[in-house]
Amino acid sequence: MFLEAFGSALLGLALAWAALHRLPDRLPARGVVLTAGSLGAVFGALVTHGALGPGHVLATLIGALTIAAVLLSLLLRPASRRLRRSPAV
């Protein structure tokens, strides 16, 4: 279980790092994103391991990545758009 938790934390960090490089203007501070990614992955591994039981390492890591991606998607802000004024005003 320790290796699953450690591996999922590393996968969560990698996913958060990729999200930071892909969408830097739509995410909050770097530390928040990296922490949320790793903690989300560890929580996902815990939930998946609890649901499936021991012996399903690959499924546990997939569950960890899924939960981490969901948590990171909750941190996304809308794309900045310029406010358009109507010509009549």
Protein backbone atom coordinates (compact mmCIF):
# COMPACT_ATOMS: atom_id res chain seq x y z
CA MET A 1 0.00 0.00 0.00
CA PHE A 2 2.89 2.35 0.72
CA LEU A 3 4.26 2.01 -2.80
CA GLU A 4 0.80 2.61 -4.26
CA ALA A 5 0.45 5.79 -2.20
CA PHE A 6 3.94 6.99 -3.11
CA GLY A 7 3.44 6.19 -6.79
CA SER A 8 0.08 7.91 -6.87
CA ALA A 9 1.55 11.00 -5.20
CA LEU A 10 4.24 11.13 -7.89
CA LEU A 11 1.64 10.67 -10.62
CA GLY A 12 -0.46 13.44 -9.08
CA LEU A 13 2.55 15.75 -9.03
CA ALA A 14 3.28 14.94 -12.67
CA LEU A 15 -0.33 15.63 -13.63
CA ALA A 16 -0.33 18.93 -11.72
CA TRP A 17 2.98 19.94 -13.29
CA ALA A 18 1.59 19.20 -16.77
CA ALA A 19 -1.53 21.21 -15.98
CA LEU A 20 0.59 24.14 -14.80
CA HIS A 21 2.59 24.15 -18.02
CA ARG A 22 -0.48 23.68 -20.21
CA LEU A 23 -2.83 26.20 -18.53
CA PRO A 24 -0.70 28.61 -16.46
CA ASP A 25 -3.08 31.57 -16.73
CA ARG A 26 -6.19 29.63 -15.67
CA LEU A 27 -4.85 28.03 -12.47
CA PRO A 28 -4.12 29.51 -9.03
CA ALA A 29 -0.68 29.60 -7.40
CA ARG A 30 1.82 26.88 -8.23
CA GLY A 31 1.97 25.48 -4.69
CA VAL A 32 -1.79 25.11 -4.48
CA VAL A 33 -1.94 23.21 -7.76
CA LEU A 34 0.95 20.88 -6.90
CA THR A 35 -0.46 20.17 -3.45
CA ALA A 36 -3.97 19.57 -4.77
CA GLY A 37 -2.68 17.22 -7.45
CA SER A 38 -0.64 15.07 -5.11
CA LEU A 39 -3.22 14.99 -2.30
CA GLY A 40 -6.02 14.27 -4.77
CA ALA A 41 -4.07 11.35 -6.19
CA VAL A 42 -3.32 9.91 -2.75
CA PHE A 43 -7.00 10.26 -1.78
CA GLY A 44 -8.00 8.62 -5.05
CA ALA A 45 -5.62 5.75 -4.40
CA LEU A 46 -7.03 5.32 -0.91
CA VAL A 47 -10.62 5.25 -2.15
CA THR A 48 -9.85 2.93 -5.06
CA HIS A 49 -7.79 0.59 -2.90
CA GLY A 50 -10.58 0.50 -0.35
CA ALA A 51 -13.16 -0.31 -3.02
CA LEU A 52 -11.17 -2.93 -4.94
CA GLY A 53 -8.96 -4.38 -2.24
CA PRO A 54 -5.31 -5.41 -2.50
CA GLY A 55 -3.82 -6.78 -5.68
CA HIS A 56 -5.17 -4.21 -8.14
CA VAL A 57 -2.20 -1.88 -8.44
CA LEU A 58 -2.88 -0.64 -11.97
CA ALA A 59 -6.56 0.02 -11.27
CA THR A 60 -5.60 1.84 -8.08
CA LEU A 61 -3.22 4.12 -9.96
CA ILE A 62 -5.84 4.80 -12.63
CA GLY A 63 -8.34 5.69 -9.91
CA ALA A 64 -5.76 7.97 -8.31
CA LEU A 65 -5.14 9.80 -11.59
CA THR A 66 -8.86 10.16 -12.17
CA ILE A 67 -9.53 11.74 -8.79
CA ALA A 68 -6.49 14.01 -9.14
CA ALA A 69 -7.69 15.18 -12.56
CA VAL A 70 -11.15 15.89 -11.19
CA LEU A 71 -9.72 17.88 -8.31
CA LEU A 72 -7.44 19.86 -10.61
CA SER A 73 -10.35 20.60 -12.92
CA LEU A 74 -12.15 22.21 -9.99
CA LEU A 75 -9.29 24.69 -9.68
CA LEU A 76 -9.64 25.95 -13.24
CA ARG A 77 -10.85 29.50 -13.71
CA PRO A 78 -12.71 30.67 -16.79
CA ALA A 79 -10.62 31.97 -19.66
CA SER A 80 -10.19 35.72 -19.50
CA ARG A 81 -12.39 37.46 -22.00
CA ARG A 82 -12.48 41.06 -22.88
CA LEU A 83 -15.65 42.82 -21.94
CA ARG A 84 -17.52 43.92 -24.98
CA ARG A 85 -19.67 46.97 -24.88
CA SER A 86 -22.59 47.32 -27.16
CA PRO A 87 -22.28 50.07 -29.78
CA ALA A 88 -25.53 51.64 -28.59
CA VAL A 89 -24.12 52.58 -25.19
